[in-house]
């Protein structure tokens, strides 16, 4: 189980490195899809039922949906899902 999680983390790092030449819209889409995929894979590894798999996918998509990154201040804007954004230090 530990090896599987470590493999997923390493694969996610490679996917994020591929976002270097993308514009903000493309990064948001890739981040949301990657987050959803990681949520689904995590739910499947934990043998979650269908409802929890959907919740994990939605949570992963929300977490992966970085809307804007201000490189000068080090702040990022994250979508809240209701049309508003939360601005905080980038993680």
N, C-alpha and C. Protein backbone atom coordinates (compact mmCIF):
# COMPACT_ATOMS: atom_id res chain seq x y z
N UNK A 1 0.82 -1.18 0.00
CA UNK A 1 0.00 0.00 0.00
C UNK A 1 0.87 1.26 0.00
N UNK A 2 1.93 1.23 0.80
CA UNK A 2 2.82 2.39 0.88
C UNK A 2 3.50 2.65 -0.45
N UNK A 3 3.90 1.60 -1.15
CA UNK A 3 4.55 1.74 -2.43
C UNK A 3 3.60 2.33 -3.47
N UNK A 4 2.34 1.95 -3.41
CA UNK A 4 1.35 2.47 -4.35
C UNK A 4 1.14 3.96 -4.14
N UNK A 5 1.03 4.39 -2.89
CA UNK A 5 0.84 5.81 -2.59
C UNK A 5 2.06 6.60 -3.02
N UNK A 6 3.24 6.08 -2.74
CA UNK A 6 4.47 6.76 -3.15
C UNK A 6 4.54 6.88 -4.67
N UNK A 7 4.13 5.85 -5.38
CA UNK A 7 4.12 5.89 -6.85
C UNK A 7 3.16 6.95 -7.35
N UNK A 8 2.00 7.07 -6.72
CA UNK A 8 1.03 8.09 -7.13
C UNK A 8 1.57 9.50 -6.90
N UNK A 9 2.23 9.70 -5.79
CA UNK A 9 2.81 11.01 -5.50
C UNK A 9 3.87 11.36 -6.52
N UNK A 10 4.71 10.41 -6.86
CA UNK A 10 5.77 10.67 -7.84
C UNK A 10 5.18 10.94 -9.22
N UNK A 11 4.15 10.20 -9.59
CA UNK A 11 3.50 10.42 -10.88
C UNK A 11 2.84 11.80 -10.92
N UNK A 12 2.25 12.22 -9.83
CA UNK A 12 1.62 13.54 -9.77
C UNK A 12 2.66 14.64 -9.95
N UNK A 13 3.83 14.45 -9.38
CA UNK A 13 4.89 15.43 -9.52
C UNK A 13 5.31 15.56 -10.98
N UNK A 14 5.40 14.46 -11.68
CA UNK A 14 5.76 14.51 -13.10
C UNK A 14 4.68 15.20 -13.92
N UNK A 15 3.43 14.94 -13.60
CA UNK A 15 2.33 15.58 -14.33
C UNK A 15 2.36 17.09 -14.11
N UNK A 16 2.58 17.52 -12.88
CA UNK A 16 2.62 18.95 -12.59
C UNK A 16 3.80 19.63 -13.26
N UNK A 17 4.91 18.93 -13.41
CA UNK A 17 6.07 19.51 -14.09
C UNK A 17 5.76 19.78 -15.56
N UNK A 18 4.85 19.03 -16.13
CA UNK A 18 4.45 19.23 -17.51
C UNK A 18 3.58 20.46 -17.73
N UNK A 19 3.15 21.12 -16.68
CA UNK A 19 2.29 22.30 -16.79
C UNK A 19 3.06 23.58 -17.01
N UNK A 20 4.35 23.53 -17.18
CA UNK A 20 5.18 24.73 -17.24
C UNK A 20 4.80 25.68 -18.37
N UNK A 21 4.53 25.19 -19.56
CA UNK A 21 4.26 26.06 -20.69
C UNK A 21 2.79 26.35 -20.92
N UNK A 22 1.92 26.01 -20.00
CA UNK A 22 0.47 26.18 -20.18
C UNK A 22 0.01 27.54 -19.69
N UNK A 23 -1.12 28.01 -20.27
CA UNK A 23 -1.72 29.22 -19.74
C UNK A 23 -2.59 28.87 -18.53
N UNK A 24 -3.20 29.88 -17.90
CA UNK A 24 -3.92 29.65 -16.64
C UNK A 24 -5.13 28.74 -16.81
N UNK A 25 -5.87 28.87 -17.92
CA UNK A 25 -7.04 28.02 -18.14
C UNK A 25 -6.64 26.56 -18.29
N UNK A 26 -5.58 26.32 -19.03
CA UNK A 26 -5.11 24.95 -19.21
C UNK A 26 -4.63 24.36 -17.89
N UNK A 27 -3.94 25.15 -17.08
CA UNK A 27 -3.49 24.67 -15.77
C UNK A 27 -4.67 24.33 -14.87
N UNK A 28 -5.72 25.16 -14.91
CA UNK A 28 -6.89 24.91 -14.09
C UNK A 28 -7.56 23.60 -14.50
N UNK A 29 -7.68 23.36 -15.78
CA UNK A 29 -8.32 22.13 -16.27
C UNK A 29 -7.48 20.91 -15.90
N UNK A 30 -6.18 20.98 -16.17
CA UNK A 30 -5.31 19.85 -15.84
C UNK A 30 -5.28 19.60 -14.34
N UNK A 31 -5.23 20.67 -13.55
CA UNK A 31 -5.23 20.51 -12.10
C UNK A 31 -6.50 19.87 -11.59
N UNK A 32 -7.64 20.31 -12.12
CA UNK A 32 -8.92 19.72 -11.71
C UNK A 32 -9.03 18.25 -12.10
N UNK A 33 -8.62 17.93 -13.32
CA UNK A 33 -8.68 16.54 -13.77
C UNK A 33 -7.69 15.65 -13.01
N UNK A 34 -6.51 16.18 -12.76
CA UNK A 34 -5.52 15.41 -12.00
C UNK A 34 -6.00 15.17 -10.58
N UNK A 35 -6.55 16.21 -9.96
CA UNK A 35 -7.08 16.06 -8.60
C UNK A 35 -8.20 15.05 -8.54
N UNK A 36 -9.10 15.09 -9.53
CA UNK A 36 -10.20 14.13 -9.57
C UNK A 36 -9.66 12.70 -9.75
N UNK A 37 -8.67 12.54 -10.62
CA UNK A 37 -8.09 11.21 -10.85
C UNK A 37 -7.43 10.68 -9.59
N UNK A 38 -6.69 11.53 -8.90
CA UNK A 38 -6.03 11.10 -7.66
C UNK A 38 -7.08 10.75 -6.61
N UNK A 39 -8.16 11.53 -6.54
CA UNK A 39 -9.24 11.21 -5.60
C UNK A 39 -9.88 9.87 -5.89
N UNK A 40 -10.12 9.59 -7.16
CA UNK A 40 -10.71 8.29 -7.54
C UNK A 40 -9.76 7.15 -7.23
N UNK A 41 -8.48 7.32 -7.56
CA UNK A 41 -7.51 6.25 -7.29
C UNK A 41 -7.37 5.99 -5.79
N UNK A 42 -7.39 7.05 -5.02
CA UNK A 42 -7.29 6.88 -3.56
C UNK A 42 -8.50 6.15 -3.02
N UNK A 43 -9.69 6.53 -3.49
CA UNK A 43 -10.91 5.86 -3.04
C UNK A 43 -10.91 4.38 -3.45
N UNK A 44 -10.42 4.09 -4.64
CA UNK A 44 -10.35 2.70 -5.09
C UNK A 44 -9.36 1.89 -4.27
N UNK A 45 -8.22 2.51 -3.92
CA UNK A 45 -7.22 1.81 -3.11
C UNK A 45 -7.76 1.50 -1.72
N UNK A 46 -8.63 2.37 -1.22
CA UNK A 46 -9.22 2.17 0.10
C UNK A 46 -10.51 1.36 0.07
N UNK A 47 -10.85 0.84 -1.12
CA UNK A 47 -12.07 0.04 -1.31
C UNK A 47 -13.32 0.78 -0.87
N UNK A 48 -13.41 2.05 -1.23
CA UNK A 48 -14.58 2.86 -0.87
C UNK A 48 -15.77 2.48 -1.77
N UNK A 49 -16.98 2.74 -1.26
CA UNK A 49 -18.15 2.46 -2.08
C UNK A 49 -18.31 3.57 -3.12
N UNK A 50 -19.31 3.46 -4.00
CA UNK A 50 -19.47 4.40 -5.10
C UNK A 50 -19.69 5.83 -4.64
N UNK A 51 -20.46 6.01 -3.56
CA UNK A 51 -20.73 7.37 -3.08
C UNK A 51 -19.46 8.05 -2.60
N UNK A 52 -18.62 7.33 -1.87
CA UNK A 52 -17.37 7.92 -1.39
C UNK A 52 -16.39 8.15 -2.52
N UNK A 53 -16.45 7.33 -3.55
CA UNK A 53 -15.59 7.54 -4.71
C UNK A 53 -15.95 8.84 -5.41
N UNK A 54 -17.23 9.11 -5.54
CA UNK A 54 -17.68 10.38 -6.16
C UNK A 54 -17.25 11.57 -5.31
N UNK A 55 -17.42 11.46 -4.00
CA UNK A 55 -17.01 12.54 -3.10
C UNK A 55 -15.50 12.76 -3.18
N UNK A 56 -14.73 11.68 -3.23
CA UNK A 56 -13.28 11.80 -3.33
C UNK A 56 -12.88 12.46 -4.65
N UNK A 57 -13.57 12.13 -5.73
CA UNK A 57 -13.27 12.75 -7.03
C UNK A 57 -13.58 14.24 -7.01
N UNK A 58 -14.71 14.62 -6.44
CA UNK A 58 -15.07 16.03 -6.36
C UNK A 58 -14.11 16.80 -5.46
N UNK A 59 -13.75 16.20 -4.34
CA UNK A 59 -12.79 16.85 -3.44
C UNK A 59 -11.43 17.00 -4.08
N UNK A 60 -10.98 15.98 -4.78
CA UNK A 60 -9.69 16.06 -5.47
C UNK A 60 -9.69 17.10 -6.57
N UNK A 61 -10.80 17.20 -7.29
CA UNK A 61 -10.90 18.20 -8.35
C UNK A 61 -10.87 19.61 -7.76
N UNK A 62 -11.57 19.80 -6.66
CA UNK A 62 -11.57 21.12 -6.01
C UNK A 62 -10.18 21.47 -5.49
N UNK A 63 -9.50 20.50 -4.92
CA UNK A 63 -8.17 20.76 -4.38
C UNK A 63 -7.16 21.02 -5.50
N UNK A 64 -7.33 20.38 -6.63
CA UNK A 64 -6.38 20.53 -7.73
C UNK A 64 -6.65 21.71 -8.63
N UNK A 65 -7.70 22.46 -8.35
CA UNK A 65 -8.11 23.53 -9.24
C UNK A 65 -7.49 24.86 -8.83
N UNK A 66 -6.25 25.02 -9.13
CA UNK A 66 -5.54 26.27 -8.89
C UNK A 66 -5.92 27.23 -10.00
N UNK A 67 -6.51 28.36 -9.65
CA UNK A 67 -7.01 29.28 -10.65
C UNK A 67 -5.94 30.27 -11.09
N UNK A 68 -5.21 30.84 -10.16
CA UNK A 68 -4.21 31.84 -10.51
C UNK A 68 -3.03 31.75 -9.54
N UNK A 69 -1.86 32.06 -10.04
CA UNK A 69 -0.65 32.03 -9.22
C UNK A 69 0.10 33.34 -9.45
N UNK A 70 0.22 34.14 -8.40
CA UNK A 70 0.97 35.39 -8.47
C UNK A 70 2.40 35.09 -8.03
N UNK A 71 3.31 35.05 -8.98
CA UNK A 71 4.69 34.68 -8.69
C UNK A 71 5.43 35.75 -7.90
N UNK A 72 4.97 37.00 -8.00
CA UNK A 72 5.64 38.10 -7.28
C UNK A 72 5.36 38.07 -5.79
N UNK A 73 4.11 37.76 -5.40
CA UNK A 73 3.74 37.75 -3.98
C UNK A 73 3.73 36.35 -3.39
N UNK A 74 3.75 35.31 -4.25
CA UNK A 74 3.70 33.93 -3.75
C UNK A 74 2.31 33.53 -3.32
N UNK A 75 1.28 34.22 -3.79
CA UNK A 75 -0.10 33.89 -3.43
C UNK A 75 -0.79 33.19 -4.59
N UNK A 76 -1.74 32.32 -4.26
CA UNK A 76 -2.52 31.60 -5.25
C UNK A 76 -4.00 31.82 -4.99
N UNK A 77 -4.79 31.78 -6.05
CA UNK A 77 -6.25 31.86 -5.92
C UNK A 77 -6.81 30.48 -6.23
N UNK A 78 -7.64 29.99 -5.33
CA UNK A 78 -8.27 28.68 -5.48
C UNK A 78 -9.77 28.86 -5.60
N UNK A 79 -10.39 28.12 -6.50
CA UNK A 79 -11.83 28.19 -6.68
C UNK A 79 -12.54 27.54 -5.51
N UNK A 80 -13.59 28.18 -5.01
CA UNK A 80 -14.40 27.61 -3.93
C UNK A 80 -15.53 26.76 -4.48
N UNK A 81 -15.79 26.85 -5.78
CA UNK A 81 -16.84 26.06 -6.38
C UNK A 81 -18.16 26.79 -6.50
N UNK A 82 -18.27 27.95 -5.86
CA UNK A 82 -19.51 28.72 -5.93
C UNK A 82 -19.33 30.01 -6.74
N UNK A 83 -18.25 30.10 -7.50
CA UNK A 83 -17.98 31.28 -8.30
C UNK A 83 -17.07 32.28 -7.61
N UNK A 84 -16.71 32.03 -6.37
CA UNK A 84 -15.80 32.91 -5.66
C UNK A 84 -14.45 32.22 -5.52
N UNK A 85 -13.46 32.99 -5.10
CA UNK A 85 -12.11 32.46 -5.00
C UNK A 85 -11.52 32.74 -3.62
N UNK A 86 -10.64 31.87 -3.17
CA UNK A 86 -9.94 32.04 -1.91
C UNK A 86 -8.47 32.31 -2.26
N UNK A 87 -7.93 33.38 -1.72
CA UNK A 87 -6.54 33.74 -1.99
C UNK A 87 -5.71 33.46 -0.74
N UNK A 88 -4.64 32.69 -0.91
CA UNK A 88 -3.75 32.37 0.21
C UNK A 88 -2.37 32.04 -0.35
N UNK A 89 -1.40 31.85 0.54
CA UNK A 89 -0.06 31.48 0.12
C UNK A 89 -0.11 30.16 -0.65
N UNK A 90 0.68 30.07 -1.67
CA UNK A 90 0.71 28.84 -2.46
C UNK A 90 1.33 27.71 -1.65
N UNK A 91 0.77 26.53 -1.81
CA UNK A 91 1.30 25.38 -1.09
C UNK A 91 2.13 24.51 -1.98
